[in-house]
């Protein structure tokens, strides 16, 4: 059975309890949420939930159907990863010393990430990129001492097309 990832962009009423209802829908049906990001849109009364989940074709269909049944849900768009642009933000704090400082700085340069804070023994690095590249940065920094990691969930918008209105 093939497991595919899908990205669900869900416009919802911006009020308390909506996130709990949507998360409950997934947990009651034993669907896993790989990533979840929620924020207001340009309209303060509407939020956009970007949910990354997966499963076989039947599971994916069921997730979309169940989301559309929720009263607080305004609109559901489902994307395959190739149909949209995705980004994730991560802050990662690493412990450094004089022996690995240059290596960390080179990794940051290669990965197009920024050192946003620094003390005598720690550096904080920021990256905003695809989830795959964010993971690659973590893997590249495994040789140094990672102290803390904070990541957003995946954000996604469908690719631009001339018939987008």
N, C-alpha and C. Protein backbone atom coordinates (compact mmCIF):
# COMPACT_ATOMS: atom_id res chain seq x y z
N UNK A 1 0.85 -1.18 0.00
CA UNK A 1 0.00 0.00 0.00
C UNK A 1 0.90 1.25 0.00
N UNK A 2 0.72 2.09 -1.01
CA UNK A 2 1.56 3.27 -1.18
C UNK A 2 1.04 4.41 -0.31
N UNK A 3 1.94 5.05 0.42
CA UNK A 3 1.57 6.19 1.27
C UNK A 3 2.04 7.48 0.59
N UNK A 4 1.10 8.35 0.30
CA UNK A 4 1.40 9.64 -0.31
C UNK A 4 1.19 10.75 0.70
N UNK A 5 2.01 11.80 0.60
CA UNK A 5 1.82 12.98 1.44
C UNK A 5 0.94 13.96 0.69
N UNK A 6 0.08 14.63 1.42
CA UNK A 6 -0.74 15.68 0.86
C UNK A 6 -0.66 16.90 1.77
N UNK A 7 -0.82 18.05 1.15
CA UNK A 7 -0.85 19.30 1.88
C UNK A 7 -2.27 19.84 1.75
N UNK A 8 -2.89 20.08 2.89
CA UNK A 8 -4.25 20.60 2.92
C UNK A 8 -4.19 22.06 3.36
N UNK A 9 -4.66 22.95 2.52
CA UNK A 9 -4.77 24.35 2.87
C UNK A 9 -6.23 24.58 3.21
N UNK A 10 -6.50 24.85 4.48
CA UNK A 10 -7.87 24.89 4.98
C UNK A 10 -8.19 26.28 5.52
N UNK A 11 -9.10 26.98 4.85
CA UNK A 11 -9.56 28.28 5.35
C UNK A 11 -10.67 28.01 6.36
N UNK A 12 -10.52 28.59 7.55
CA UNK A 12 -11.48 28.35 8.63
C UNK A 12 -11.88 29.67 9.27
N UNK A 13 -13.03 29.64 9.95
CA UNK A 13 -13.45 30.79 10.76
C UNK A 13 -12.40 30.98 11.86
N UNK A 14 -11.99 32.21 12.09
CA UNK A 14 -10.99 32.50 13.10
C UNK A 14 -11.67 32.71 14.45
N UNK A 15 -11.92 31.59 15.13
CA UNK A 15 -12.51 31.67 16.47
C UNK A 15 -12.03 30.49 17.30
N UNK A 16 -12.20 30.64 18.61
CA UNK A 16 -11.68 29.61 19.52
C UNK A 16 -12.37 28.27 19.29
N UNK A 17 -11.59 27.21 19.45
CA UNK A 17 -12.12 25.86 19.34
C UNK A 17 -12.00 25.22 17.97
N UNK A 18 -11.76 26.04 16.93
CA UNK A 18 -11.71 25.49 15.56
C UNK A 18 -10.50 24.56 15.40
N UNK A 19 -9.35 24.98 15.89
CA UNK A 19 -8.15 24.14 15.80
C UNK A 19 -8.38 22.80 16.50
N UNK A 20 -8.99 22.84 17.65
CA UNK A 20 -9.27 21.61 18.41
C UNK A 20 -10.20 20.68 17.62
N UNK A 21 -11.21 21.26 16.98
CA UNK A 21 -12.15 20.44 16.18
C UNK A 21 -11.44 19.77 15.01
N UNK A 22 -10.59 20.52 14.33
CA UNK A 22 -9.88 19.96 13.16
C UNK A 22 -8.88 18.90 13.62
N UNK A 23 -8.13 19.18 14.66
CA UNK A 23 -7.17 18.19 15.18
C UNK A 23 -7.91 16.94 15.67
N UNK A 24 -9.07 17.14 16.28
CA UNK A 24 -9.88 16.02 16.76
C UNK A 24 -10.35 15.13 15.62
N UNK A 25 -10.68 15.74 14.49
CA UNK A 25 -11.09 14.98 13.31
C UNK A 25 -9.98 14.00 12.91
N UNK A 26 -8.74 14.47 12.92
CA UNK A 26 -7.61 13.62 12.56
C UNK A 26 -7.39 12.53 13.60
N UNK A 27 -7.41 12.89 14.88
CA UNK A 27 -7.11 11.90 15.92
C UNK A 27 -8.20 10.83 16.03
N UNK A 28 -9.47 11.22 15.89
CA UNK A 28 -10.56 10.23 15.98
C UNK A 28 -10.46 9.17 14.89
N UNK A 29 -9.93 9.55 13.75
CA UNK A 29 -9.83 8.61 12.63
C UNK A 29 -8.43 8.01 12.49
N UNK A 30 -7.58 8.28 13.48
CA UNK A 30 -6.19 7.77 13.50
C UNK A 30 -5.40 8.22 12.27
N UNK A 31 -5.67 9.44 11.80
CA UNK A 31 -4.86 10.04 10.74
C UNK A 31 -3.77 10.84 11.43
N UNK A 32 -2.54 10.70 10.97
CA UNK A 32 -1.43 11.44 11.57
C UNK A 32 -1.29 12.81 10.92
N UNK A 33 -0.97 13.81 11.73
CA UNK A 33 -0.61 15.13 11.21
C UNK A 33 0.90 15.23 11.27
N UNK A 34 1.54 15.34 10.09
CA UNK A 34 2.99 15.46 10.04
C UNK A 34 3.44 16.88 10.34
N UNK A 35 2.62 17.86 9.95
CA UNK A 35 2.95 19.26 10.16
C UNK A 35 1.65 20.05 10.21
N UNK A 36 1.64 21.09 11.06
CA UNK A 36 0.46 21.94 11.19
C UNK A 36 0.93 23.37 11.45
N UNK A 37 0.44 24.30 10.63
CA UNK A 37 0.73 25.72 10.83
C UNK A 37 -0.59 26.47 10.66
N UNK A 38 -0.84 27.41 11.56
CA UNK A 38 -2.10 28.16 11.54
C UNK A 38 -1.79 29.63 11.72
N UNK A 39 -2.46 30.46 10.93
CA UNK A 39 -2.32 31.90 11.10
C UNK A 39 -3.45 32.64 10.41
N UNK A 40 -3.66 33.88 10.86
CA UNK A 40 -4.66 34.73 10.24
C UNK A 40 -4.31 35.00 8.78
N UNK A 41 -5.33 35.20 7.97
CA UNK A 41 -5.12 35.62 6.59
C UNK A 41 -5.18 37.15 6.56
N UNK A 42 -5.32 37.71 5.37
CA UNK A 42 -5.47 39.16 5.26
C UNK A 42 -6.80 39.63 5.85
N UNK A 43 -7.71 38.71 6.09
CA UNK A 43 -9.00 38.97 6.74
C UNK A 43 -8.91 38.41 8.17
N UNK A 44 -8.99 39.27 9.17
CA UNK A 44 -8.80 38.84 10.57
C UNK A 44 -9.85 37.83 11.03
N UNK A 45 -10.97 37.71 10.32
CA UNK A 45 -12.00 36.75 10.73
C UNK A 45 -11.77 35.35 10.14
N UNK A 46 -10.71 35.22 9.31
CA UNK A 46 -10.40 33.95 8.65
C UNK A 46 -8.96 33.56 8.92
N UNK A 47 -8.75 32.29 9.28
CA UNK A 47 -7.40 31.75 9.44
C UNK A 47 -7.15 30.70 8.37
N UNK A 48 -5.89 30.48 8.07
CA UNK A 48 -5.50 29.42 7.15
C UNK A 48 -4.71 28.38 7.94
N UNK A 49 -5.19 27.14 7.87
CA UNK A 49 -4.46 26.01 8.46
C UNK A 49 -3.78 25.28 7.32
N UNK A 50 -2.48 25.08 7.45
CA UNK A 50 -1.76 24.27 6.47
C UNK A 50 -1.40 22.98 7.18
N UNK A 51 -1.98 21.88 6.71
CA UNK A 51 -1.82 20.58 7.35
C UNK A 51 -1.13 19.64 6.38
N UNK A 52 -0.05 19.02 6.82
CA UNK A 52 0.61 17.99 6.01
C UNK A 52 0.27 16.65 6.65
N UNK A 53 -0.28 15.76 5.84
CA UNK A 53 -0.66 14.44 6.31
C UNK A 53 -0.52 13.48 5.14
N UNK A 54 -0.75 12.24 5.38
CA UNK A 54 -0.59 11.29 4.28
C UNK A 54 -1.31 10.00 4.54
N UNK A 55 -1.24 9.17 3.54
CA UNK A 55 -1.87 7.87 3.62
C UNK A 55 -2.12 7.35 2.22
N UNK A 56 -2.88 6.28 2.15
CA UNK A 56 -3.22 5.75 0.82
C UNK A 56 -4.29 6.63 0.20
N UNK A 57 -4.69 6.32 -1.03
CA UNK A 57 -5.65 7.14 -1.77
C UNK A 57 -6.97 7.28 -1.00
N UNK A 58 -7.43 6.20 -0.38
CA UNK A 58 -8.69 6.24 0.37
C UNK A 58 -8.59 7.18 1.57
N UNK A 59 -7.48 7.11 2.30
CA UNK A 59 -7.28 7.96 3.47
C UNK A 59 -7.26 9.42 3.07
N UNK A 60 -6.53 9.73 2.00
CA UNK A 60 -6.44 11.11 1.52
C UNK A 60 -7.82 11.64 1.15
N UNK A 61 -8.60 10.82 0.48
CA UNK A 61 -9.96 11.21 0.09
C UNK A 61 -10.82 11.45 1.33
N UNK A 62 -10.70 10.57 2.32
CA UNK A 62 -11.48 10.70 3.55
C UNK A 62 -11.12 11.97 4.32
N UNK A 63 -9.84 12.30 4.39
CA UNK A 63 -9.42 13.51 5.10
C UNK A 63 -10.09 14.72 4.46
N UNK A 64 -10.01 14.81 3.14
CA UNK A 64 -10.60 15.96 2.45
C UNK A 64 -12.12 16.02 2.67
N UNK A 65 -12.81 14.89 2.55
CA UNK A 65 -14.26 14.85 2.77
C UNK A 65 -14.64 15.28 4.19
N UNK A 66 -13.91 14.75 5.18
CA UNK A 66 -14.22 15.07 6.57
C UNK A 66 -13.95 16.54 6.88
N UNK A 67 -12.87 17.11 6.32
CA UNK A 67 -12.59 18.53 6.53
C UNK A 67 -13.71 19.39 5.95
N UNK A 68 -14.19 19.02 4.76
CA UNK A 68 -15.26 19.80 4.12
C UNK A 68 -16.58 19.74 4.88
N UNK A 69 -16.77 18.73 5.72
CA UNK A 69 -18.01 18.60 6.49
C UNK A 69 -18.05 19.52 7.71
N UNK A 70 -16.90 19.99 8.16
CA UNK A 70 -16.85 20.82 9.37
C UNK A 70 -17.51 22.17 9.12
N UNK A 71 -18.34 22.61 10.06
CA UNK A 71 -19.08 23.87 9.92
C UNK A 71 -18.16 25.09 9.86
N UNK A 72 -17.07 25.06 10.63
CA UNK A 72 -16.17 26.20 10.67
C UNK A 72 -15.23 26.28 9.48
N UNK A 73 -15.24 25.25 8.63
CA UNK A 73 -14.35 25.22 7.46
C UNK A 73 -15.01 25.97 6.30
N UNK A 74 -14.29 26.92 5.74
CA UNK A 74 -14.79 27.72 4.63
C UNK A 74 -14.42 27.07 3.30
N UNK A 75 -13.16 26.64 3.18
CA UNK A 75 -12.69 26.07 1.92
C UNK A 75 -11.49 25.16 2.18
N UNK A 76 -11.42 24.05 1.44
CA UNK A 76 -10.30 23.12 1.53
C UNK A 76 -9.67 22.98 0.16
N UNK A 77 -8.35 23.18 0.11
CA UNK A 77 -7.59 22.89 -1.11
C UNK A 77 -6.59 21.80 -0.75
N UNK A 78 -6.46 20.81 -1.62
CA UNK A 78 -5.52 19.72 -1.41
C UNK A 78 -4.46 19.78 -2.49
N UNK A 79 -3.19 19.73 -2.08
CA UNK A 79 -2.08 19.80 -3.01
C UNK A 79 -1.17 18.60 -2.87
N UNK A 80 -0.61 18.15 -3.98
CA UNK A 80 0.56 17.30 -3.93
C UNK A 80 1.74 18.26 -3.78
N UNK A 81 2.85 17.77 -3.27
CA UNK A 81 3.99 18.65 -3.02
C UNK A 81 4.48 19.37 -4.28
N UNK A 82 4.37 18.75 -5.43
CA UNK A 82 4.86 19.38 -6.67
C UNK A 82 3.94 20.47 -7.18
N UNK A 83 2.72 20.57 -6.64
CA UNK A 83 1.75 21.56 -7.10
C UNK A 83 1.84 22.88 -6.35
N UNK A 84 2.71 22.96 -5.37
CA UNK A 84 2.75 24.17 -4.56
C UNK A 84 4.18 24.53 -4.15
N UNK A 85 4.30 25.73 -3.65
CA UNK A 85 5.57 26.19 -3.09
C UNK A 85 5.43 26.06 -1.58
N UNK A 86 6.41 25.40 -0.96
CA UNK A 86 6.38 25.20 0.49
C UNK A 86 7.57 25.88 1.14
N UNK A 87 7.35 26.35 2.35
CA UNK A 87 8.42 26.93 3.15
C UNK A 87 8.20 26.58 4.60
N UNK A 88 9.32 26.51 5.31
CA UNK A 88 9.31 26.26 6.75
C UNK A 88 10.37 27.16 7.35
N UNK A 89 10.12 27.68 8.53
CA UNK A 89 11.08 28.52 9.23
C UNK A 89 11.64 27.73 10.41
N UNK A 90 12.95 27.83 10.61
CA UNK A 90 13.55 27.17 11.76
C UNK A 90 14.60 28.09 12.38
N UNK A 91 14.60 28.09 13.70
CA UNK A 91 15.68 28.68 14.48
C UNK A 91 16.39 27.52 15.15
N UNK A 92 17.72 27.49 15.04
CA UNK A 92 18.48 26.41 15.65
C UNK A 92 19.67 27.02 16.41
N UNK A 93 19.79 26.65 17.67
CA UNK A 93 20.88 27.16 18.51
C UNK A 93 21.93 26.07 18.64
N UNK A 94 23.16 26.43 18.30
CA UNK A 94 24.27 25.47 18.38
C UNK A 94 25.36 26.00 19.29
N UNK A 95 26.03 25.08 19.95
CA UNK A 95 27.19 25.43 20.77
C UNK A 95 28.41 25.36 19.85
N UNK A 96 29.24 26.37 19.93
CA UNK A 96 30.42 26.38 19.06
C UNK A 96 31.68 26.65 19.88
N UNK A 97 32.81 26.36 19.25
CA UNK A 97 34.11 26.69 19.83
C UNK A 97 35.02 27.15 18.70
N UNK A 98 36.24 27.50 19.03
CA UNK A 98 37.15 28.04 18.00
C UNK A 98 37.46 27.00 16.92
N UNK A 99 37.34 25.72 17.24
CA UNK A 99 37.64 24.66 16.26
C UNK A 99 36.54 24.45 15.23
N UNK A 100 35.28 24.69 15.61
CA UNK A 100 34.20 24.42 14.66
C UNK A 100 33.46 25.68 14.19
N UNK A 101 33.86 26.84 14.65
CA UNK A 101 33.19 28.10 14.29
C UNK A 101 33.18 28.32 12.79
N UNK A 102 34.32 28.17 12.14
CA UNK A 102 34.43 28.39 10.69
C UNK A 102 33.55 27.38 9.93
N UNK A 103 33.54 26.12 10.37
CA UNK A 103 32.73 25.09 9.73
C UNK A 103 31.24 25.44 9.78
N UNK A 104 30.78 25.91 10.94
CA UNK A 104 29.38 26.31 11.09
C UNK A 104 29.06 27.47 10.16
N UNK A 105 29.93 28.44 10.10
CA UNK A 105 29.71 29.60 9.24
C UNK A 105 29.68 29.19 7.76
N UNK A 106 30.51 28.25 7.37
CA UNK A 106 30.51 27.75 5.98
C UNK A 106 29.22 27.01 5.67
N UNK A 107 28.75 26.20 6.61
CA UNK A 107 27.48 25.49 6.42
C UNK A 107 26.36 26.51 6.23
N UNK A 108 26.35 27.55 7.07
CA UNK A 108 25.32 28.60 6.95
C UNK A 108 25.37 29.27 5.58
N UNK A 109 26.56 29.54 5.11
CA UNK A 109 26.70 30.18 3.80
C UNK A 109 26.19 29.27 2.68
N UNK A 110 26.57 28.01 2.72
CA UNK A 110 26.14 27.04 1.70
C UNK A 110 24.62 26.87 1.73
N UNK A 111 24.04 26.81 2.93
CA UNK A 111 22.60 26.57 3.08
C UNK A 111 21.76 27.84 2.98
N UNK A 112 22.40 28.98 2.75
CA UNK A 112 21.71 30.27 2.67
C UNK A 112 20.87 30.52 3.94
N UNK A 113 21.51 30.27 5.06
CA UNK A 113 20.89 30.54 6.36
C UNK A 113 21.67 31.66 7.03
N UNK A 114 21.08 32.29 8.03
CA UNK A 114 21.69 33.45 8.67
C UNK A 114 21.96 33.19 10.14
N UNK A 115 23.08 33.72 10.62
CA UNK A 115 23.36 33.72 12.06
C UNK A 115 22.67 34.97 12.59
N UNK A 116 21.66 34.79 13.44
CA UNK A 116 20.85 35.91 13.90
C UNK A 116 21.13 36.34 15.33
N UNK A 117 21.90 35.52 16.07
CA UNK A 117 22.27 35.86 17.43
C UNK A 117 23.52 35.07 17.79
N UNK A 118 24.30 35.63 18.70
CA UNK A 118 25.56 34.97 19.04
C UNK A 118 25.98 35.40 20.44
N UNK A 119 26.55 34.47 21.17
CA UNK A 119 27.18 34.78 22.46
C UNK A 119 28.57 34.16 22.42
N UNK A 120 29.21 34.10 23.56
CA UNK A 120 30.57 33.58 23.62
C UNK A 120 30.64 32.10 23.21
N UNK A 121 29.57 31.33 23.48
CA UNK A 121 29.60 29.89 23.21
C UNK A 121 28.47 29.38 22.33
N UNK A 122 27.50 30.24 22.01
CA UNK A 122 26.34 29.79 21.23
C UNK A 122 26.08 30.69 20.03
N UNK A 123 25.55 30.07 18.98
CA UNK A 123 25.08 30.78 17.79
C UNK A 123 23.65 30.37 17.54
N UNK A 124 22.83 31.34 17.11
CA UNK A 124 21.47 31.01 16.69
C UNK A 124 21.39 31.24 15.18
N UNK A 125 20.94 30.22 14.47
CA UNK A 125 20.88 30.24 13.01
C UNK A 125 19.41 30.21 12.59
N UNK A 126 19.10 30.99 11.56
CA UNK A 126 17.75 31.03 11.02
C UNK A 126 17.78 30.56 9.58
N UNK A 127 16.80 29.74 9.21
CA UNK A 127 16.64 29.33 7.82
C UNK A 127 15.15 29.37 7.48
N UNK A 128 14.86 29.84 6.29
CA UNK A 128 13.50 29.79 5.75
C UNK A 128 13.64 29.16 4.37
N UNK A 129 13.19 27.91 4.27
CA UNK A 129 13.40 27.16 3.03
C UNK A 129 12.40 26.00 2.98
N UNK A 130 12.59 25.13 2.01
CA UNK A 130 11.72 23.96 1.91
C UNK A 130 11.97 23.05 3.11
N UNK A 131 10.96 22.25 3.48
CA UNK A 131 11.17 21.33 4.61
C UNK A 131 12.38 20.40 4.41
N UNK A 132 12.64 20.01 3.17
CA UNK A 132 13.79 19.13 2.89
C UNK A 132 15.11 19.84 3.20
N UNK A 133 15.21 21.12 2.82
CA UNK A 133 16.45 21.86 3.08
C UNK A 133 16.61 22.19 4.56
N UNK A 134 15.51 22.41 5.25
CA UNK A 134 15.57 22.63 6.70
C UNK A 134 16.13 21.37 7.38
N UNK A 135 15.64 20.22 6.96
CA UNK A 135 16.13 18.94 7.50
C UNK A 135 17.60 18.75 7.16
N UNK A 136 17.99 19.14 5.95
CA UNK A 136 19.39 19.03 5.53
C UNK A 136 20.30 19.89 6.41
N UNK A 137 19.84 21.08 6.79
CA UNK A 137 20.64 21.92 7.69
C UNK A 137 20.82 21.23 9.04
N UNK A 138 19.75 20.67 9.57
CA UNK A 138 19.86 19.94 10.85
C UNK A 138 20.88 18.81 10.71
N UNK A 139 20.77 18.04 9.64
CA UNK A 139 21.71 16.93 9.42
C UNK A 139 23.15 17.44 9.30
N UNK A 140 23.33 18.58 8.64
CA UNK A 140 24.68 19.14 8.45
C UNK A 140 25.28 19.63 9.77
N UNK A 141 24.42 20.00 10.71
CA UNK A 141 24.91 20.51 12.00
C UNK A 141 24.98 19.43 13.08
N UNK A 142 24.72 18.17 12.73
CA UNK A 142 24.78 17.10 13.71
C UNK A 142 26.18 16.92 14.30
N UNK A 143 27.19 17.30 13.54
CA UNK A 143 28.56 17.14 14.03
C UNK A 143 28.92 18.14 15.13
N UNK A 144 28.13 19.23 15.24
CA UNK A 144 28.34 20.18 16.34
C UNK A 144 27.25 19.93 17.38
N UNK A 145 27.33 20.61 18.47
CA UNK A 145 26.37 20.38 19.56
C UNK A 145 25.13 21.25 19.35
N UNK A 146 24.01 20.62 18.96
CA UNK A 146 22.75 21.34 18.79
C UNK A 146 22.11 21.47 20.18
N UNK A 147 21.84 22.72 20.60
CA UNK A 147 21.28 22.98 21.92
C UNK A 147 19.76 23.04 21.90
N UNK A 148 19.19 23.68 20.86
CA UNK A 148 17.74 23.85 20.78
C UNK A 148 17.32 24.00 19.33
N UNK A 149 16.09 23.56 19.05
CA UNK A 149 15.52 23.71 17.72
C UNK A 149 14.07 24.14 17.87
N UNK A 150 13.67 25.17 17.09
CA UNK A 150 12.26 25.57 17.01
C UNK A 150 11.92 25.68 15.53
N UNK A 151 10.86 24.95 15.12
CA UNK A 151 10.45 24.94 13.72
C UNK A 151 8.98 25.26 13.60
N UNK A 152 8.65 25.96 12.53
CA UNK A 152 7.24 26.14 12.21
C UNK A 152 6.79 24.90 11.47
N UNK A 153 5.53 24.79 11.25
CA UNK A 153 5.05 23.76 10.34
C UNK A 153 5.24 24.26 8.92
N UNK A 154 4.95 23.40 7.98
CA UNK A 154 5.05 23.76 6.57
C UNK A 154 3.96 24.76 6.20
N UNK A 155 4.34 25.78 5.44
CA UNK A 155 3.39 26.70 4.83
C UNK A 155 3.39 26.42 3.35
N UNK A 156 2.24 26.57 2.69
CA UNK A 156 2.16 26.26 1.27
C UNK A 156 1.12 27.12 0.57
N UNK A 157 1.44 27.49 -0.67
CA UNK A 157 0.48 28.12 -1.57
C UNK A 157 0.63 27.44 -2.92
N UNK A 158 -0.49 27.32 -3.64
CA UNK A 158 -0.41 26.72 -4.97
C UNK A 158 0.46 27.60 -5.86
N UNK A 159 1.13 26.96 -6.80
CA UNK A 159 2.00 27.70 -7.72
C UNK A 159 1.17 28.70 -8.51
N UNK A 160 1.79 29.82 -8.88
CA UNK A 160 1.11 30.88 -9.61
C UNK A 160 0.75 30.43 -11.02
N UNK A 161 -0.47 30.74 -11.40
CA UNK A 161 -0.94 30.45 -12.75
C UNK A 161 -1.74 31.65 -13.23
N UNK A 162 -1.77 31.88 -14.50
CA UNK A 162 -2.46 33.05 -15.04
C UNK A 162 -3.96 33.02 -14.79
N UNK A 163 -4.53 31.82 -14.59
CA UNK A 163 -5.97 31.75 -14.35
C UNK A 163 -6.32 31.81 -12.87
N UNK A 164 -5.35 32.20 -12.01
CA UNK A 164 -5.62 32.41 -10.58
C UNK A 164 -6.39 33.71 -10.41
N UNK A 165 -7.61 33.65 -10.03
CA UNK A 165 -8.38 34.88 -9.78
C UNK A 165 -9.07 34.82 -8.46
